[in-house]
Structure formats: C-alpha cells, structure tokens
Amino acid sequence: MVYDNICTAAKKFGLSINFIESETGLSTGSLCKWNKVSPTAKSLKKVAKLLSVTVDSLLEETKDV
C-alpha cells in the first residue's frame, strides 16, 4: 500500500524509485519493502517531502472499485 502510493506519486513527477531512495538517503531496495514492513516516520516524511505530498496520502489505503 505505502510503496504503491509512492510509485503512483513518483510516476506523476517522472521520478524513479532508485532516485527517491538516493535523494532521501535510504538504502537501495528499502522502499519496495514498505508494503510489508512499516517505514519509520522520519523516512516517510523525507519521501513525502521529496514527492510534495502529505504523509497521510502515502498511508492511504487504495480502494479497488
């Protein structure tokens, strides 16, 4: 869910997951684990700031219609 929301936001800005990890100081491959493992608040805030979105929007559960 969190990773999926990050991917959606990243796509809007034309950013790669690798770029986001690099710019926020996260290790390579860490974001893809966020659907199964909860990120720290600090890391989540860094990603949200880079993507110009709220932390809440990254945590939102997407609903399949």
N, C-alpha and C. Protein backbone atom coordinates (compact mmCIF):
# COMPACT_ATOMS: atom_id res chain seq x y z
N MET A 1 0.82 -1.18 0.00
CA MET A 1 0.00 0.00 0.00
C MET A 1 0.88 1.26 0.00
N VAL A 2 1.79 1.40 0.95
CA VAL A 2 2.65 2.59 1.00
C VAL A 2 3.54 2.66 -0.24
N TYR A 3 4.15 1.55 -0.56
CA TYR A 3 5.02 1.51 -1.74
C TYR A 3 4.23 1.81 -3.01
N ASP A 4 3.04 1.25 -3.11
CA ASP A 4 2.20 1.50 -4.28
C ASP A 4 1.86 2.98 -4.41
N ASN A 5 1.56 3.62 -3.30
CA ASN A 5 1.26 5.06 -3.31
C ASN A 5 2.48 5.88 -3.69
N ILE A 6 3.65 5.47 -3.24
CA ILE A 6 4.89 6.15 -3.61
C ILE A 6 5.14 6.01 -5.10
N CYS A 7 4.92 4.82 -5.62
CA CYS A 7 5.10 4.58 -7.07
C CYS A 7 4.17 5.47 -7.89
N THR A 8 2.93 5.59 -7.46
CA THR A 8 1.96 6.43 -8.17
C THR A 8 2.40 7.88 -8.17
N ALA A 9 2.81 8.38 -7.00
CA ALA A 9 3.27 9.77 -6.89
C ALA A 9 4.55 9.99 -7.69
N ALA A 10 5.47 9.04 -7.63
CA ALA A 10 6.74 9.15 -8.34
C ALA A 10 6.51 9.22 -9.85
N LYS A 11 5.56 8.42 -10.32
CA LYS A 11 5.25 8.38 -11.75
C LYS A 11 4.76 9.75 -12.23
N LYS A 12 3.98 10.44 -11.40
CA LYS A 12 3.46 11.76 -11.76
C LYS A 12 4.59 12.77 -11.97
N PHE A 13 5.67 12.61 -11.21
CA PHE A 13 6.79 13.53 -11.30
C PHE A 13 7.91 13.00 -12.19
N GLY A 14 7.74 11.79 -12.72
CA GLY A 14 8.76 11.20 -13.58
C GLY A 14 10.01 10.81 -12.81
N LEU A 15 9.84 10.43 -11.55
CA LEU A 15 10.99 10.04 -10.72
C LEU A 15 11.05 8.52 -10.56
N SER A 16 12.24 8.00 -10.51
CA SER A 16 12.40 6.57 -10.29
C SER A 16 12.48 6.29 -8.80
N ILE A 17 12.17 5.07 -8.43
CA ILE A 17 12.28 4.65 -7.03
C ILE A 17 13.74 4.75 -6.58
N ASN A 18 14.65 4.39 -7.45
CA ASN A 18 16.08 4.47 -7.14
C ASN A 18 16.48 5.91 -6.82
N PHE A 19 15.97 6.87 -7.60
CA PHE A 19 16.26 8.28 -7.38
C PHE A 19 15.72 8.72 -6.02
N ILE A 20 14.51 8.32 -5.70
CA ILE A 20 13.90 8.70 -4.41
C ILE A 20 14.72 8.14 -3.26
N GLU A 21 15.13 6.89 -3.36
CA GLU A 21 15.95 6.29 -2.30
C GLU A 21 17.27 7.04 -2.16
N SER A 22 17.88 7.37 -3.26
CA SER A 22 19.16 8.07 -3.25
C SER A 22 19.02 9.47 -2.63
N GLU A 23 18.01 10.22 -3.07
CA GLU A 23 17.82 11.59 -2.60
C GLU A 23 17.43 11.68 -1.13
N THR A 24 16.78 10.65 -0.62
CA THR A 24 16.33 10.67 0.78
C THR A 24 17.29 9.94 1.71
N GLY A 25 18.36 9.38 1.15
CA GLY A 25 19.35 8.70 1.98
C GLY A 25 18.94 7.30 2.41
N LEU A 26 17.96 6.73 1.73
CA LEU A 26 17.53 5.38 2.04
C LEU A 26 18.35 4.38 1.25
N SER A 27 18.48 3.19 1.78
CA SER A 27 19.26 2.17 1.08
C SER A 27 18.47 1.65 -0.12
N THR A 28 19.20 1.19 -1.11
CA THR A 28 18.60 0.65 -2.32
C THR A 28 17.72 -0.54 -1.97
N GLY A 29 16.49 -0.52 -2.47
CA GLY A 29 15.57 -1.61 -2.23
C GLY A 29 14.72 -1.46 -0.99
N SER A 30 14.96 -0.41 -0.22
CA SER A 30 14.21 -0.27 1.03
C SER A 30 12.75 0.11 0.81
N LEU A 31 12.47 0.93 -0.20
CA LEU A 31 11.09 1.36 -0.43
C LEU A 31 10.18 0.21 -0.80
N CYS A 32 10.67 -0.73 -1.58
CA CYS A 32 9.81 -1.83 -2.03
C CYS A 32 9.36 -2.71 -0.87
N LYS A 33 10.03 -2.63 0.26
CA LYS A 33 9.65 -3.41 1.44
C LYS A 33 8.54 -2.75 2.25
N TRP A 34 8.23 -1.50 1.93
CA TRP A 34 7.29 -0.74 2.75
C TRP A 34 5.85 -1.21 2.66
N ASN A 35 5.51 -2.08 1.75
CA ASN A 35 4.16 -2.65 1.74
C ASN A 35 4.03 -3.73 2.81
N LYS A 36 5.17 -4.31 3.20
CA LYS A 36 5.15 -5.38 4.20
C LYS A 36 5.68 -4.94 5.56
N VAL A 37 6.61 -4.00 5.55
CA VAL A 37 7.24 -3.51 6.78
C VAL A 37 6.97 -2.02 6.89
N SER A 38 6.54 -1.59 8.06
CA SER A 38 6.23 -0.16 8.25
C SER A 38 7.51 0.67 8.25
N PRO A 39 7.51 1.76 7.48
CA PRO A 39 8.68 2.65 7.48
C PRO A 39 8.71 3.48 8.75
N THR A 40 9.87 4.04 9.05
CA THR A 40 9.94 4.95 10.18
C THR A 40 9.27 6.27 9.78
N ALA A 41 8.80 6.99 10.76
CA ALA A 41 8.15 8.27 10.50
C ALA A 41 9.13 9.22 9.80
N LYS A 42 10.37 9.20 10.22
CA LYS A 42 11.39 10.08 9.64
C LYS A 42 11.59 9.78 8.15
N SER A 43 11.69 8.52 7.80
CA SER A 43 11.88 8.14 6.39
C SER A 43 10.65 8.48 5.57
N LEU A 44 9.48 8.22 6.12
CA LEU A 44 8.25 8.51 5.41
C LEU A 44 8.10 10.01 5.15
N LYS A 45 8.48 10.82 6.12
CA LYS A 45 8.43 12.28 5.96
C LYS A 45 9.38 12.75 4.86
N LYS A 46 10.56 12.16 4.80
CA LYS A 46 11.54 12.53 3.77
C LYS A 46 10.99 12.25 2.37
N VAL A 47 10.38 11.08 2.21
CA VAL A 47 9.84 10.69 0.91
C VAL A 47 8.66 11.60 0.55
N ALA A 48 7.78 11.86 1.51
CA ALA A 48 6.62 12.72 1.26
C ALA A 48 7.07 14.12 0.85
N LYS A 49 8.08 14.63 1.53
CA LYS A 49 8.58 15.97 1.20
C LYS A 49 9.16 16.01 -0.22
N LEU A 50 9.94 15.01 -0.56
CA LEU A 50 10.53 14.96 -1.90
C LEU A 50 9.45 14.90 -2.98
N LEU A 51 8.37 14.17 -2.71
CA LEU A 51 7.30 14.00 -3.68
C LEU A 51 6.24 15.10 -3.60
N SER A 52 6.42 16.03 -2.66
CA SER A 52 5.46 17.12 -2.46
C SER A 52 4.04 16.61 -2.19
N VAL A 53 3.98 15.59 -1.35
CA VAL A 53 2.69 15.04 -0.94
C VAL A 53 2.67 14.94 0.59
N THR A 54 1.50 14.68 1.13
CA THR A 54 1.40 14.52 2.58
C THR A 54 1.74 13.08 2.98
N VAL A 55 2.16 12.93 4.21
CA VAL A 55 2.41 11.59 4.75
C VAL A 55 1.10 10.80 4.70
N ASP A 56 0.00 11.46 5.04
CA ASP A 56 -1.32 10.79 5.01
C ASP A 56 -1.63 10.21 3.65
N SER A 57 -1.29 10.94 2.58
CA SER A 57 -1.60 10.44 1.24
C SER A 57 -0.79 9.19 0.92
N LEU A 58 0.40 9.08 1.49
CA LEU A 58 1.21 7.89 1.27
C LEU A 58 0.69 6.70 2.07
N LEU A 59 0.03 6.98 3.17
CA LEU A 59 -0.50 5.93 4.04
C LEU A 59 -1.91 5.50 3.68
N GLU A 60 -2.57 6.28 2.83
CA GLU A 60 -3.95 5.98 2.44
C GLU A 60 -4.08 4.61 1.81
N GLU A 61 -5.11 3.93 2.21
CA GLU A 61 -5.40 2.63 1.62
C GLU A 61 -6.17 2.85 0.33
N THR A 62 -5.66 2.29 -0.75
CA THR A 62 -6.35 2.44 -2.03
C THR A 62 -7.50 1.45 -2.09
N LYS A 63 -8.56 1.88 -2.71
CA LYS A 63 -9.74 1.02 -2.79
C LYS A 63 -9.93 0.57 -4.22
N ASP A 64 -10.05 -0.72 -4.39
CA ASP A 64 -10.33 -1.27 -5.72
C ASP A 64 -11.80 -1.13 -5.99
N VAL A 65 -12.14 -0.57 -7.14
CA VAL A 65 -13.54 -0.37 -7.49
C VAL A 65 -14.02 -1.49 -8.38
